[in-house]
Amino acid sequence: MKKLIFAVVLVAGLSACGDKPQVLETIKKDSAAFTGTGKAFANQDWKQGDKASWESHLKARNQYGQNDYTRMN
């Protein structure tokens, strides 16, 4: 009887430790990167939705200190 109770408790305990399924999920790109996320995260000089403005700000960030590769080497 003790073996049966031990087996039931063991099975119940081990079933709680199951591995969650690992599903491959990707990020959905619903819109272009230059469209922006909202006013809270936007730079004051950048116009959201303006691709040329976005490209110029990205180029400036890469040239002036936000590129770790050029900063460290």
Protein backbone atom coordinates (compact mmCIF):
# COMPACT_ATOMS: atom_id res chain seq x y z
CA MET A 1 0.00 0.00 0.00
CA LYS A 2 2.83 2.37 0.84
CA LYS A 3 4.44 1.64 -2.53
CA LEU A 4 1.22 2.51 -4.34
CA ILE A 5 0.82 5.79 -2.45
CA PHE A 6 4.49 6.60 -3.03
CA ALA A 7 4.10 5.86 -6.75
CA VAL A 8 0.99 8.07 -7.03
CA VAL A 9 2.70 10.93 -5.19
CA LEU A 10 5.82 10.51 -7.32
CA VAL A 11 3.84 10.57 -10.58
CA ALA A 12 1.83 13.59 -9.42
CA GLY A 13 4.99 15.41 -8.38
CA LEU A 14 6.85 14.68 -11.60
CA SER A 15 3.90 15.65 -13.78
CA ALA A 16 4.06 19.16 -12.29
CA CYS A 17 7.66 19.49 -13.48
CA GLY A 18 6.82 19.11 -17.16
CA ASP A 19 8.63 21.11 -19.81
CA LYS A 20 6.67 23.85 -21.54
CA PRO A 21 6.40 23.53 -25.32
CA GLN A 22 8.95 25.65 -27.16
CA VAL A 23 7.22 27.18 -30.15
CA LEU A 24 9.20 29.13 -32.70
CA GLU A 25 7.83 32.66 -32.71
CA THR A 26 9.01 35.47 -34.92
CA ILE A 27 8.57 39.20 -34.72
CA LYS A 28 5.88 40.49 -37.02
CA LYS A 29 6.89 43.46 -39.14
CA ASP A 30 3.54 45.13 -39.63
CA SER A 31 4.98 48.47 -40.67
CA ALA A 32 8.22 49.99 -41.87
CA ALA A 33 10.84 50.97 -39.30
CA PHE A 34 10.67 54.66 -40.13
CA THR A 35 6.97 54.95 -39.27
CA GLY A 36 7.76 55.26 -35.57
CA THR A 37 6.25 53.97 -32.34
CA GLY A 38 4.62 57.03 -30.87
CA LYS A 39 5.53 60.43 -29.45
CA ALA A 40 7.00 59.06 -26.22
CA PHE A 41 9.87 57.32 -27.99
CA ALA A 42 10.53 59.75 -30.84
CA ASN A 43 13.38 62.23 -31.15
CA GLN A 44 12.18 65.83 -31.32
CA ASP A 45 13.93 66.55 -34.62
CA TRP A 46 12.66 63.43 -36.36
CA LYS A 47 9.37 63.48 -38.23
CA GLN A 48 7.57 60.16 -37.90
CA GLY A 49 6.71 58.63 -41.25
CA ASP A 50 9.44 60.56 -43.10
CA LYS A 51 11.86 57.97 -44.46
CA ALA A 52 14.55 60.48 -45.46
CA SER A 53 14.55 62.03 -41.99
CA TRP A 54 14.78 58.58 -40.40
CA GLU A 55 17.71 57.59 -42.64
CA SER A 56 19.60 60.80 -41.88
CA HIS A 57 19.16 60.38 -38.11
CA LEU A 58 20.24 56.74 -38.33
CA LYS A 59 23.33 57.74 -40.30
CA ALA A 60 24.18 60.45 -37.76
CA ARG A 61 23.80 58.04 -34.83
CA ASN A 62 26.13 55.56 -36.51
CA GLN A 63 28.75 58.22 -37.19
CA TYR A 64 28.70 60.06 -33.87
CA GLY A 65 29.10 57.57 -31.06
CA GLN A 66 26.37 54.95 -31.10
CA ASN A 67 28.41 52.53 -33.18
CA ASP A 68 30.37 50.48 -30.62
CA TYR A 69 32.63 48.96 -33.24
CA THR A 70 34.07 52.31 -34.34
CA ARG A 71 34.09 53.66 -30.79
CA MET A 72 36.14 50.79 -29.33
CA ASN A 73 38.58 50.19 -32.20
